[in-house]
Amino acid sequence: MTENQEQTSTGNKKKSKSQLFHIFASIFKVVLFLALIAAIAWGTWSYKMYLDVKGQLTKLSSLEGQQQLAQQEVQKVVNQVKKHIILPEDEEPVIATVTNAEALSKEQPFYVGAKNDDKVLIYPKAGKAIIYSPSADLIVNVGPVYIEQPQSSEQSNAKPTPTTAAEKVTSPSPASSPATTAQP
C-alpha cells in the first residue's frame, strides 16, 4: 500500500471510531433520559399512593370514616347478592360474617353448607335471612327470620332477637351467634 492509502484508511478508522463513539453517546443519552422519565413517573406514582393511603388512614381514624367504610361494605355485599335473588328494597340488612361455620352448622341446620367468611344478610322487617358465599358467588341458604317479642313489661326495653325458621325460638339467632360477627 502506498503512504497515501494508509493515511486515508487510518483517517477512515478514526472517523468511524469517532462516529461510533457519537452513536453510543447518543444512545446513552436517550437511555439516561428514559431512565430519568421512568424514575420521575415512579416517584409521582409512589407519592400519589402514599397520599391515598394517608387519606384512607385518616378516614378510618374517625368514627364517620369507619361507618362509611362499613356502609360501603354492606352495599357491596347487597349488590353481589342482588344478582342472585330479589332483596327487600325498604330496609337495609344487618350483615354478619361467619367465623366458625363448623360449630354453627352443628348448632343450627340453617348454616349447613356455610363456610368461614360467608356473609349472613338478615332482613328483620321482611323476615328473611340469606347466607351468601362471596368466594363462590353463591347463595348458600335462605330462610325466614322470626323476631322474638318481649313477654312482659320488664322486657320492653330489650331488643328483638332474630331467629331462623330452622331454629327454636329460644336458640341463638344468626346475628347474635358467637360464631358470627355483625356489621351494622
N, C-alpha and C. Protein backbone atom coordinates (compact mmCIF):
# COMPACT_ATOMS: atom_id res chain seq x y z
N MET A 1 0.83 -1.17 0.00
CA MET A 1 0.00 0.00 0.00
C MET A 1 0.88 1.24 0.00
N THR A 2 0.32 2.21 -0.52
CA THR A 2 1.08 3.44 -0.58
C THR A 2 0.81 4.24 0.68
N GLU A 3 1.62 5.19 0.86
CA GLU A 3 1.53 6.02 2.06
C GLU A 3 0.22 6.81 2.08
N ASN A 4 -0.21 7.22 0.94
CA ASN A 4 -1.45 7.97 0.81
C ASN A 4 -2.66 7.12 1.20
N GLN A 5 -2.65 5.88 0.77
CA GLN A 5 -3.76 4.97 1.08
C GLN A 5 -3.78 4.65 2.58
N GLU A 6 -2.59 4.53 3.17
CA GLU A 6 -2.53 4.23 4.60
C GLU A 6 -3.09 5.39 5.41
N GLN A 7 -2.78 6.60 5.01
CA GLN A 7 -3.30 7.77 5.73
C GLN A 7 -4.82 7.85 5.58
N THR A 8 -5.33 7.52 4.41
CA THR A 8 -6.76 7.56 4.18
C THR A 8 -7.46 6.49 5.00
N SER A 9 -6.90 5.28 5.04
CA SER A 9 -7.54 4.21 5.83
C SER A 9 -7.44 4.52 7.33
N THR A 10 -6.34 5.11 7.77
CA THR A 10 -6.21 5.50 9.17
C THR A 10 -7.19 6.61 9.47
N GLY A 11 -7.34 7.54 8.59
CA GLY A 11 -8.31 8.62 8.76
C GLY A 11 -9.73 8.08 8.80
N ASN A 12 -10.04 7.10 7.95
CA ASN A 12 -11.37 6.50 7.95
C ASN A 12 -11.64 5.76 9.25
N LYS A 13 -10.60 5.08 9.74
CA LYS A 13 -10.75 4.36 11.01
C LYS A 13 -11.02 5.34 12.14
N LYS A 14 -10.31 6.46 12.11
CA LYS A 14 -10.53 7.47 13.14
C LYS A 14 -11.93 8.06 13.02
N LYS A 15 -12.37 8.29 11.77
CA LYS A 15 -13.70 8.81 11.55
C LYS A 15 -14.75 7.79 12.01
N SER A 16 -14.57 6.53 11.67
CA SER A 16 -15.56 5.51 12.04
C SER A 16 -15.58 5.33 13.56
N LYS A 17 -14.43 5.40 14.20
CA LYS A 17 -14.40 5.31 15.66
C LYS A 17 -15.09 6.52 16.27
N SER A 18 -14.86 7.66 15.71
CA SER A 18 -15.49 8.89 16.20
C SER A 18 -17.00 8.83 15.99
N GLN A 19 -17.43 8.35 14.84
CA GLN A 19 -18.86 8.23 14.58
C GLN A 19 -19.50 7.20 15.51
N LEU A 20 -18.82 6.10 15.71
CA LEU A 20 -19.32 5.05 16.60
C LEU A 20 -19.43 5.59 18.03
N PHE A 21 -18.43 6.36 18.45
CA PHE A 21 -18.48 6.97 19.77
C PHE A 21 -19.69 7.90 19.89
N HIS A 22 -19.96 8.70 18.89
CA HIS A 22 -21.10 9.62 18.91
C HIS A 22 -22.43 8.86 18.92
N ILE A 23 -22.49 7.76 18.21
CA ILE A 23 -23.71 6.94 18.21
C ILE A 23 -23.96 6.37 19.60
N PHE A 24 -22.91 5.80 20.19
CA PHE A 24 -23.06 5.25 21.54
C PHE A 24 -23.38 6.34 22.56
N ALA A 25 -22.79 7.49 22.41
CA ALA A 25 -23.07 8.61 23.31
C ALA A 25 -24.53 9.04 23.15
N SER A 26 -25.02 9.07 21.94
CA SER A 26 -26.42 9.44 21.70
C SER A 26 -27.37 8.41 22.31
N ILE A 27 -27.07 7.13 22.11
CA ILE A 27 -27.89 6.06 22.68
C ILE A 27 -27.86 6.15 24.20
N PHE A 28 -26.68 6.39 24.76
CA PHE A 28 -26.56 6.51 26.22
C PHE A 28 -27.41 7.67 26.73
N LYS A 29 -27.39 8.79 26.02
CA LYS A 29 -28.19 9.95 26.43
C LYS A 29 -29.68 9.63 26.37
N VAL A 30 -30.13 8.91 25.36
CA VAL A 30 -31.55 8.54 25.23
C VAL A 30 -31.94 7.59 26.37
N VAL A 31 -31.11 6.59 26.62
CA VAL A 31 -31.40 5.64 27.70
C VAL A 31 -31.41 6.36 29.05
N LEU A 32 -30.48 7.24 29.26
CA LEU A 32 -30.43 8.01 30.51
C LEU A 32 -31.68 8.88 30.65
N PHE A 33 -32.10 9.51 29.55
CA PHE A 33 -33.31 10.33 29.56
C PHE A 33 -34.55 9.47 29.88
N LEU A 34 -34.66 8.30 29.26
CA LEU A 34 -35.79 7.40 29.53
C LEU A 34 -35.78 6.92 30.98
N ALA A 35 -34.60 6.63 31.51
CA ALA A 35 -34.49 6.21 32.91
C ALA A 35 -34.92 7.34 33.84
N LEU A 36 -34.56 8.56 33.50
CA LEU A 36 -34.96 9.72 34.29
C LEU A 36 -36.48 9.89 34.26
N ILE A 37 -37.10 9.74 33.09
CA ILE A 37 -38.55 9.84 32.95
C ILE A 37 -39.22 8.73 33.78
N ALA A 38 -38.69 7.51 33.70
CA ALA A 38 -39.26 6.39 34.46
C ALA A 38 -39.13 6.64 35.96
N ALA A 39 -38.02 7.19 36.40
CA ALA A 39 -37.83 7.48 37.83
C ALA A 39 -38.81 8.56 38.29
N ILE A 40 -39.02 9.56 37.47
CA ILE A 40 -39.98 10.62 37.82
C ILE A 40 -41.39 10.05 37.87
N ALA A 41 -41.74 9.20 36.90
CA ALA A 41 -43.08 8.59 36.87
C ALA A 41 -43.27 7.70 38.11
N TRP A 42 -42.27 6.90 38.44
CA TRP A 42 -42.37 6.02 39.62
C TRP A 42 -42.50 6.86 40.90
N GLY A 43 -41.72 7.91 40.99
CA GLY A 43 -41.79 8.78 42.17
C GLY A 43 -43.15 9.44 42.29
N THR A 44 -43.70 9.90 41.18
CA THR A 44 -45.04 10.51 41.19
C THR A 44 -46.08 9.50 41.61
N TRP A 45 -46.02 8.30 41.03
CA TRP A 45 -46.97 7.23 41.37
C TRP A 45 -46.85 6.88 42.86
N SER A 46 -45.63 6.73 43.36
CA SER A 46 -45.41 6.39 44.77
C SER A 46 -45.98 7.47 45.69
N TYR A 47 -45.77 8.71 45.35
CA TYR A 47 -46.27 9.81 46.17
C TYR A 47 -47.79 9.83 46.17
N LYS A 48 -48.40 9.58 45.01
CA LYS A 48 -49.86 9.52 44.92
C LYS A 48 -50.40 8.37 45.78
N MET A 49 -49.76 7.23 45.71
CA MET A 49 -50.18 6.08 46.53
C MET A 49 -50.04 6.42 48.02
N TYR A 50 -48.96 7.08 48.39
CA TYR A 50 -48.75 7.49 49.77
C TYR A 50 -49.88 8.40 50.23
N LEU A 51 -50.25 9.38 49.39
CA LEU A 51 -51.33 10.30 49.75
C LEU A 51 -52.67 9.56 49.87
N ASP A 52 -52.92 8.59 48.97
CA ASP A 52 -54.15 7.81 49.05
C ASP A 52 -54.22 7.01 50.34
N VAL A 53 -53.14 6.34 50.69
CA VAL A 53 -53.11 5.54 51.91
C VAL A 53 -53.24 6.44 53.14
N LYS A 54 -52.57 7.57 53.11
CA LYS A 54 -52.65 8.52 54.23
C LYS A 54 -54.09 9.01 54.38
N GLY A 55 -54.76 9.31 53.27
CA GLY A 55 -56.16 9.75 53.32
C GLY A 55 -57.07 8.66 53.86
N GLN A 56 -56.85 7.43 53.44
CA GLN A 56 -57.66 6.31 53.94
C GLN A 56 -57.42 6.10 55.42
N LEU A 57 -56.19 6.20 55.85
CA LEU A 57 -55.87 6.04 57.27
C LEU A 57 -56.53 7.13 58.09
N THR A 58 -56.48 8.35 57.61
CA THR A 58 -57.14 9.47 58.29
C THR A 58 -58.65 9.23 58.35
N LYS A 59 -59.18 8.76 57.25
CA LYS A 59 -60.62 8.48 57.18
C LYS A 59 -61.01 7.39 58.17
N LEU A 60 -60.21 6.34 58.25
CA LEU A 60 -60.52 5.22 59.15
C LEU A 60 -60.29 5.57 60.61
N SER A 61 -59.55 6.61 60.86
CA SER A 61 -59.30 7.03 62.23
C SER A 61 -60.52 7.68 62.85
N SER A 62 -61.44 8.13 62.02
CA SER A 62 -62.63 8.79 62.54
C SER A 62 -63.81 7.81 62.55
N LEU A 63 -64.75 8.06 63.44
CA LEU A 63 -65.94 7.22 63.53
C LEU A 63 -66.76 7.32 62.25
N GLU A 64 -66.86 8.51 61.69
CA GLU A 64 -67.60 8.70 60.44
C GLU A 64 -66.98 7.88 59.32
N GLY A 65 -65.67 7.88 59.25
CA GLY A 65 -64.97 7.12 58.22
C GLY A 65 -65.21 5.63 58.36
N GLN A 66 -65.19 5.15 59.59
CA GLN A 66 -65.45 3.72 59.82
C GLN A 66 -66.87 3.36 59.43
N GLN A 67 -67.82 4.24 59.75
CA GLN A 67 -69.21 4.00 59.39
C GLN A 67 -69.38 4.02 57.87
N GLN A 68 -68.69 4.92 57.20
CA GLN A 68 -68.74 4.99 55.74
C GLN A 68 -68.20 3.71 55.13
N LEU A 69 -67.09 3.23 55.66
CA LEU A 69 -66.48 2.00 55.16
C LEU A 69 -67.42 0.82 55.37
N ALA A 70 -68.04 0.74 56.55
CA ALA A 70 -68.99 -0.34 56.82
C ALA A 70 -70.18 -0.25 55.87
N GLN A 71 -70.66 0.96 55.62
CA GLN A 71 -71.78 1.15 54.70
C GLN A 71 -71.39 0.71 53.29
N GLN A 72 -70.18 1.03 52.86
CA GLN A 72 -69.71 0.61 51.54
C GLN A 72 -69.64 -0.91 51.45
N GLU A 73 -69.17 -1.54 52.52
CA GLU A 73 -69.07 -3.00 52.55
C GLU A 73 -70.47 -3.63 52.47
N VAL A 74 -71.42 -3.08 53.21
CA VAL A 74 -72.80 -3.57 53.17
C VAL A 74 -73.34 -3.43 51.75
N GLN A 75 -73.13 -2.27 51.14
CA GLN A 75 -73.64 -2.04 49.79
C GLN A 75 -73.00 -2.98 48.79
N LYS A 76 -71.72 -3.26 48.96
CA LYS A 76 -71.01 -4.17 48.06
C LYS A 76 -71.62 -5.58 48.14
N VAL A 77 -71.84 -6.05 49.37
CA VAL A 77 -72.41 -7.39 49.56
C VAL A 77 -73.83 -7.43 49.01
N VAL A 78 -74.63 -6.41 49.30
CA VAL A 78 -76.01 -6.36 48.80
C VAL A 78 -76.03 -6.38 47.28
N ASN A 79 -75.15 -5.62 46.64
CA ASN A 79 -75.09 -5.60 45.17
C ASN A 79 -74.73 -6.97 44.60
N GLN A 80 -73.85 -7.70 45.28
CA GLN A 80 -73.48 -9.03 44.82
C GLN A 80 -74.65 -10.00 44.97
N VAL A 81 -75.36 -9.93 46.10
CA VAL A 81 -76.46 -10.84 46.36
C VAL A 81 -77.64 -10.53 45.43
N LYS A 82 -77.83 -9.25 45.09
CA LYS A 82 -78.93 -8.84 44.21
C LYS A 82 -78.87 -9.53 42.85
N LYS A 83 -77.70 -9.96 42.45
CA LYS A 83 -77.55 -10.65 41.17
C LYS A 83 -78.22 -12.03 41.19
N HIS A 84 -78.46 -12.56 42.41
CA HIS A 84 -78.96 -13.92 42.54
C HIS A 84 -80.39 -14.02 43.06
N ILE A 85 -80.84 -13.00 43.77
CA ILE A 85 -82.14 -13.07 44.41
C ILE A 85 -82.71 -11.66 44.57
N ILE A 86 -84.02 -11.56 44.57
CA ILE A 86 -84.66 -10.26 44.79
C ILE A 86 -84.64 -9.97 46.29
N LEU A 87 -84.10 -8.82 46.63
CA LEU A 87 -83.96 -8.44 48.04
C LEU A 87 -85.00 -7.39 48.41
N PRO A 88 -85.36 -7.33 49.70
CA PRO A 88 -86.28 -6.27 50.15
C PRO A 88 -85.66 -4.90 49.90
N GLU A 89 -86.46 -4.01 49.33
CA GLU A 89 -85.98 -2.67 48.98
C GLU A 89 -86.15 -1.69 50.14
N ASP A 90 -87.09 -1.95 51.03
CA ASP A 90 -87.46 -0.97 52.05
C ASP A 90 -86.62 -1.02 53.32
N GLU A 91 -85.62 -1.89 53.37
CA GLU A 91 -84.78 -1.94 54.57
C GLU A 91 -83.36 -2.35 54.22
N GLU A 92 -82.46 -1.95 55.08
CA GLU A 92 -81.06 -2.31 54.92
C GLU A 92 -80.78 -3.51 55.81
N PRO A 93 -80.05 -4.49 55.29
CA PRO A 93 -79.83 -5.69 56.11
C PRO A 93 -78.79 -5.48 57.20
N VAL A 94 -78.87 -6.32 58.19
CA VAL A 94 -77.78 -6.47 59.15
C VAL A 94 -76.92 -7.57 58.57
N ILE A 95 -75.64 -7.33 58.45
CA ILE A 95 -74.76 -8.33 57.85
C ILE A 95 -73.81 -8.87 58.90
N ALA A 96 -73.72 -10.19 58.94
CA ALA A 96 -72.80 -10.87 59.84
C ALA A 96 -71.86 -11.72 59.00
N THR A 97 -70.65 -11.93 59.48
CA THR A 97 -69.68 -12.78 58.80
C THR A 97 -69.53 -14.06 59.58
N VAL A 98 -69.64 -15.19 58.90
CA VAL A 98 -69.49 -16.49 59.55
C VAL A 98 -68.01 -16.67 59.89
N THR A 99 -67.74 -16.92 61.17
CA THR A 99 -66.35 -17.10 61.61
C THR A 99 -66.05 -18.52 62.06
N ASN A 100 -67.09 -19.31 62.37
CA ASN A 100 -66.89 -20.71 62.77
C ASN A 100 -68.05 -21.52 62.19
N ALA A 101 -67.94 -21.83 60.90
CA ALA A 101 -69.02 -22.50 60.18
C ALA A 101 -69.31 -23.88 60.72
N GLU A 102 -68.29 -24.58 61.12
CA GLU A 102 -68.48 -25.95 61.62
C GLU A 102 -69.35 -25.96 62.87
N ALA A 103 -69.05 -25.08 63.82
CA ALA A 103 -69.84 -25.03 65.05
C ALA A 103 -71.27 -24.56 64.76
N LEU A 104 -71.41 -23.60 63.89
CA LEU A 104 -72.75 -23.11 63.56
C LEU A 104 -73.60 -24.19 62.91
N SER A 105 -73.01 -24.95 61.98
CA SER A 105 -73.79 -25.98 61.29
C SER A 105 -74.20 -27.10 62.23
N LYS A 106 -73.41 -27.34 63.28
CA LYS A 106 -73.78 -28.35 64.28
C LYS A 106 -74.93 -27.84 65.15
N GLU A 107 -74.92 -26.53 65.45
CA GLU A 107 -75.95 -25.93 66.30
C GLU A 107 -77.26 -25.71 65.56
N GLN A 108 -77.17 -25.27 64.31
CA GLN A 108 -78.37 -24.87 63.58
C GLN A 108 -78.29 -25.37 62.13
N PRO A 109 -79.30 -26.10 61.70
CA PRO A 109 -79.29 -26.63 60.33
C PRO A 109 -79.27 -25.54 59.25
N PHE A 110 -79.72 -24.35 59.59
CA PHE A 110 -79.71 -23.24 58.65
C PHE A 110 -78.30 -23.00 58.09
N TYR A 111 -77.27 -23.27 58.87
CA TYR A 111 -75.89 -22.97 58.48
C TYR A 111 -75.19 -24.13 57.78
N VAL A 112 -75.87 -25.25 57.55
CA VAL A 112 -75.25 -26.37 56.84
C VAL A 112 -74.87 -25.90 55.44
N GLY A 113 -73.64 -26.13 55.06
CA GLY A 113 -73.14 -25.70 53.75
C GLY A 113 -72.43 -24.36 53.80
N ALA A 114 -72.56 -23.64 54.90
CA ALA A 114 -71.86 -22.35 55.04
C ALA A 114 -70.38 -22.60 55.32
N LYS A 115 -69.56 -21.66 54.91
CA LYS A 115 -68.12 -21.72 55.16
C LYS A 115 -67.69 -20.45 55.87
N ASN A 116 -66.54 -20.50 56.50
CA ASN A 116 -66.00 -19.30 57.14
C ASN A 116 -65.88 -18.18 56.11
N ASP A 117 -66.15 -16.96 56.54
CA ASP A 117 -66.13 -15.75 55.73
C ASP A 117 -67.36 -15.60 54.84
N ASP A 118 -68.32 -16.52 54.90
CA ASP A 118 -69.59 -16.30 54.22
C ASP A 118 -70.33 -15.18 54.93
N LYS A 119 -71.22 -14.52 54.22
CA LYS A 119 -71.98 -13.40 54.78
C LYS A 119 -73.42 -13.85 55.04
N VAL A 120 -73.95 -13.41 56.18
CA VAL A 120 -75.35 -13.66 56.52
C VAL A 120 -76.05 -12.31 56.49
N LEU A 121 -77.01 -12.18 55.59
CA LEU A 121 -77.80 -10.96 55.47
C LEU A 121 -79.12 -11.21 56.20
N ILE A 122 -79.45 -10.36 57.15
CA ILE A 122 -80.67 -10.52 57.93
C ILE A 122 -81.55 -9.30 57.69
N TYR A 123 -82.75 -9.56 57.22
CA TYR A 123 -83.75 -8.53 56.99
C TYR A 123 -84.87 -8.74 58.01
N PRO A 124 -84.80 -8.06 59.16
CA PRO A 124 -85.79 -8.29 60.22
C PRO A 124 -87.23 -7.94 59.80
N LYS A 125 -87.43 -6.82 59.13
CA LYS A 125 -88.79 -6.43 58.73
C LYS A 125 -89.38 -7.43 57.73
N ALA A 126 -88.59 -7.84 56.77
CA ALA A 126 -89.05 -8.77 55.74
C ALA A 126 -89.08 -10.21 56.27
N GLY A 127 -88.42 -10.44 57.41
CA GLY A 127 -88.38 -11.78 57.98
C GLY A 127 -87.59 -12.76 57.13
N LYS A 128 -86.43 -12.31 56.63
CA LYS A 128 -85.64 -13.15 55.73
C LYS A 128 -84.17 -13.12 56.14
N ALA A 129 -83.54 -14.30 56.08
CA ALA A 129 -82.10 -14.41 56.32
C ALA A 129 -81.49 -15.13 55.12
N ILE A 130 -80.34 -14.64 54.66
CA ILE A 130 -79.68 -15.19 53.48
C ILE A 130 -78.21 -15.42 53.82
N ILE A 131 -77.73 -16.62 53.50
CA ILE A 131 -76.29 -16.90 53.61
C ILE A 131 -75.72 -16.80 52.21
N TYR A 132 -74.73 -15.93 52.05
CA TYR A 132 -74.10 -15.71 50.76
C TYR A 132 -72.62 -16.01 50.85
N SER A 133 -72.10 -16.73 49.87
CA SER A 133 -70.67 -17.04 49.81
C SER A 133 -70.00 -16.15 48.77
N PRO A 134 -69.26 -15.12 49.20
CA PRO A 134 -68.58 -14.25 48.23
C PRO A 134 -67.51 -14.99 47.42
N SER A 135 -66.85 -15.97 48.03
CA SER A 135 -65.78 -16.67 47.33
C SER A 135 -66.31 -17.51 46.18
N ALA A 136 -67.49 -18.10 46.35
CA ALA A 136 -68.09 -18.91 45.29
C ALA A 136 -69.15 -18.13 44.51
N ASP A 137 -69.49 -16.93 44.99
CA ASP A 137 -70.55 -16.11 44.40
C ASP A 137 -71.86 -16.90 44.30
N LEU A 138 -72.22 -17.53 45.44
CA LEU A 138 -73.43 -18.35 45.53
C LEU A 138 -74.25 -17.99 46.76
N ILE A 139 -75.54 -18.21 46.64
CA ILE A 139 -76.39 -18.14 47.82
C ILE A 139 -76.43 -19.56 48.39
N VAL A 140 -76.00 -19.68 49.63
CA VAL A 140 -75.90 -20.99 50.27
C VAL A 140 -77.25 -21.43 50.84
N ASN A 141 -77.97 -20.49 51.46
CA ASN A 141 -79.25 -20.83 52.08
C ASN A 141 -80.07 -19.56 52.28
N VAL A 142 -81.38 -19.74 52.28
CA VAL A 142 -82.31 -18.66 52.56
C VAL A 142 -83.34 -19.22 53.53
N GLY A 143 -83.68 -18.44 54.54
CA GLY A 143 -84.69 -18.89 55.49
C GLY A 143 -85.42 -17.72 56.11
N PRO A 144 -86.58 -18.02 56.68
CA PRO A 144 -87.32 -16.95 57.35
C PRO A 144 -86.69 -16.59 58.68
N VAL A 145 -86.95 -15.38 59.11
CA VAL A 145 -86.46 -14.90 60.40
C VAL A 145 -87.68 -14.54 61.25
N TYR A 146 -87.69 -15.01 62.47
CA TYR A 146 -88.75 -14.67 63.41
C TYR A 146 -88.15 -13.80 64.50
N ILE A 147 -88.83 -12.75 64.84
CA ILE A 147 -88.36 -11.84 65.88
C ILE A 147 -89.09 -12.20 67.16
N GLU A 148 -88.30 -12.49 68.19
CA GLU A 148 -88.90 -12.77 69.50
C GLU A 148 -89.41 -11.47 70.09
N GLN A 149 -90.64 -11.47 70.55
CA GLN A 149 -91.23 -10.30 71.17
C GLN A 149 -91.09 -10.42 72.68
N PRO A 150 -90.86 -9.30 73.36
CA PRO A 150 -90.77 -9.33 74.82
C PRO A 150 -92.09 -9.84 75.41
N GLN A 151 -92.00 -10.63 76.49
CA GLN A 151 -93.19 -11.24 77.06
C GLN A 151 -93.77 -10.44 78.21
N SER A 152 -92.99 -9.60 78.84
CA SER A 152 -93.52 -8.82 79.96
C SER A 152 -93.10 -7.37 79.81
N SER A 153 -93.68 -6.52 80.64
CA SER A 153 -93.36 -5.10 80.57
C SER A 153 -91.92 -4.82 81.01
N GLU A 154 -91.34 -5.71 81.83
CA GLU A 154 -89.94 -5.53 82.25
C GLU A 154 -89.01 -5.64 81.06
N GLN A 155 -89.39 -6.47 80.10
CA GLN A 155 -88.51 -6.71 78.97
C GLN A 155 -88.79 -5.75 77.81
N SER A 156 -89.61 -4.74 78.01
CA SER A 156 -89.97 -3.84 76.92
C SER A 156 -88.78 -3.05 76.39
N ASN A 157 -87.72 -2.91 77.17
CA ASN A 157 -86.53 -2.22 76.70
C ASN A 157 -85.57 -3.14 75.96
N ALA A 158 -85.83 -4.45 75.99
CA ALA A 158 -84.95 -5.41 75.33
C ALA A 158 -85.14 -5.32 73.82
N LYS A 159 -84.05 -5.53 73.07
CA LYS A 159 -84.11 -5.51 71.62
C LYS A 159 -84.59 -6.87 71.13
N PRO A 160 -85.35 -6.92 70.03
CA PRO A 160 -85.78 -8.20 69.49
C PRO A 160 -84.58 -8.98 68.95
N THR A 161 -84.65 -10.30 69.04
CA THR A 161 -83.59 -11.16 68.57
C THR A 161 -84.09 -11.95 67.38
N PRO A 162 -83.48 -11.80 66.19
CA PRO A 162 -83.94 -12.55 65.03
C PRO A 162 -83.52 -14.01 65.13
N THR A 163 -84.39 -14.90 64.69
CA THR A 163 -84.08 -16.32 64.62
C THR A 163 -84.60 -16.85 63.30
N THR A 164 -84.02 -17.92 62.81
CA THR A 164 -84.48 -18.51 61.56
C THR A 164 -85.52 -19.57 61.86
N ALA A 165 -86.25 -19.97 60.83
CA ALA A 165 -87.31 -20.94 60.99
C ALA A 165 -86.76 -22.28 61.46
N ALA A 166 -85.54 -22.59 61.09
CA ALA A 166 -84.96 -23.87 61.46
C ALA A 166 -84.56 -23.90 62.93
N GLU A 167 -84.62 -22.78 63.58
CA GLU A 167 -84.22 -22.71 64.98
C GLU A 167 -85.43 -22.72 65.89
N LYS A 168 -85.18 -23.11 67.10
CA LYS A 168 -86.22 -22.95 68.11
C LYS A 168 -86.24 -21.49 68.50
N VAL A 169 -87.31 -21.03 69.03
CA VAL A 169 -87.44 -19.62 69.39
C VAL A 169 -86.42 -19.23 70.44
N THR A 170 -85.97 -20.16 71.24
CA THR A 170 -85.03 -19.82 72.31
C THR A 170 -83.57 -19.98 71.89
N SER A 171 -83.32 -20.50 70.69
CA SER A 171 -81.93 -20.70 70.28
C SER A 171 -81.33 -19.38 69.81
N PRO A 172 -79.99 -19.30 69.76
CA PRO A 172 -79.36 -18.05 69.33
C PRO A 172 -79.67 -17.78 67.86
N SER A 173 -79.70 -16.51 67.53
CA SER A 173 -80.02 -16.11 66.16
C SER A 173 -78.75 -16.02 65.34
N PRO A 174 -78.87 -15.93 63.99
CA PRO A 174 -77.67 -15.77 63.17
C PRO A 174 -76.91 -14.51 63.53
N ALA A 175 -77.57 -13.45 63.89
CA ALA A 175 -76.88 -12.19 64.19
C ALA A 175 -76.22 -12.22 65.55
N SER A 176 -76.77 -12.98 66.50
CA SER A 176 -76.22 -12.94 67.84
C SER A 176 -75.38 -14.16 68.17
N SER A 177 -75.23 -15.07 67.22
CA SER A 177 -74.47 -16.27 67.47
C SER A 177 -73.00 -15.93 67.68
N PRO A 178 -72.32 -16.62 68.58
CA PRO A 178 -70.92 -16.31 68.84
C PRO A 178 -70.01 -16.61 67.64
N ALA A 179 -70.46 -17.38 66.68
CA ALA A 179 -69.62 -17.72 65.55
C ALA A 179 -69.84 -16.79 64.37
N THR A 180 -70.58 -15.72 64.56
CA THR A 180 -70.74 -14.72 63.51
C THR A 180 -70.41 -13.35 64.09
N THR A 181 -69.95 -12.49 63.24
CA THR A 181 -69.69 -11.11 63.67
C THR A 181 -70.56 -10.19 62.84
N ALA A 182 -71.31 -9.35 63.46
CA ALA A 182 -72.28 -8.50 62.76
C ALA A 182 -71.67 -7.18 62.37
N GLN A 183 -72.15 -6.66 61.23
CA GLN A 183 -71.81 -5.31 60.79
C GLN A 183 -73.10 -4.53 60.74
N PRO A 184 -73.12 -3.31 61.25
CA PRO A 184 -74.37 -2.53 61.21
C PRO A 184 -74.76 -2.20 59.80
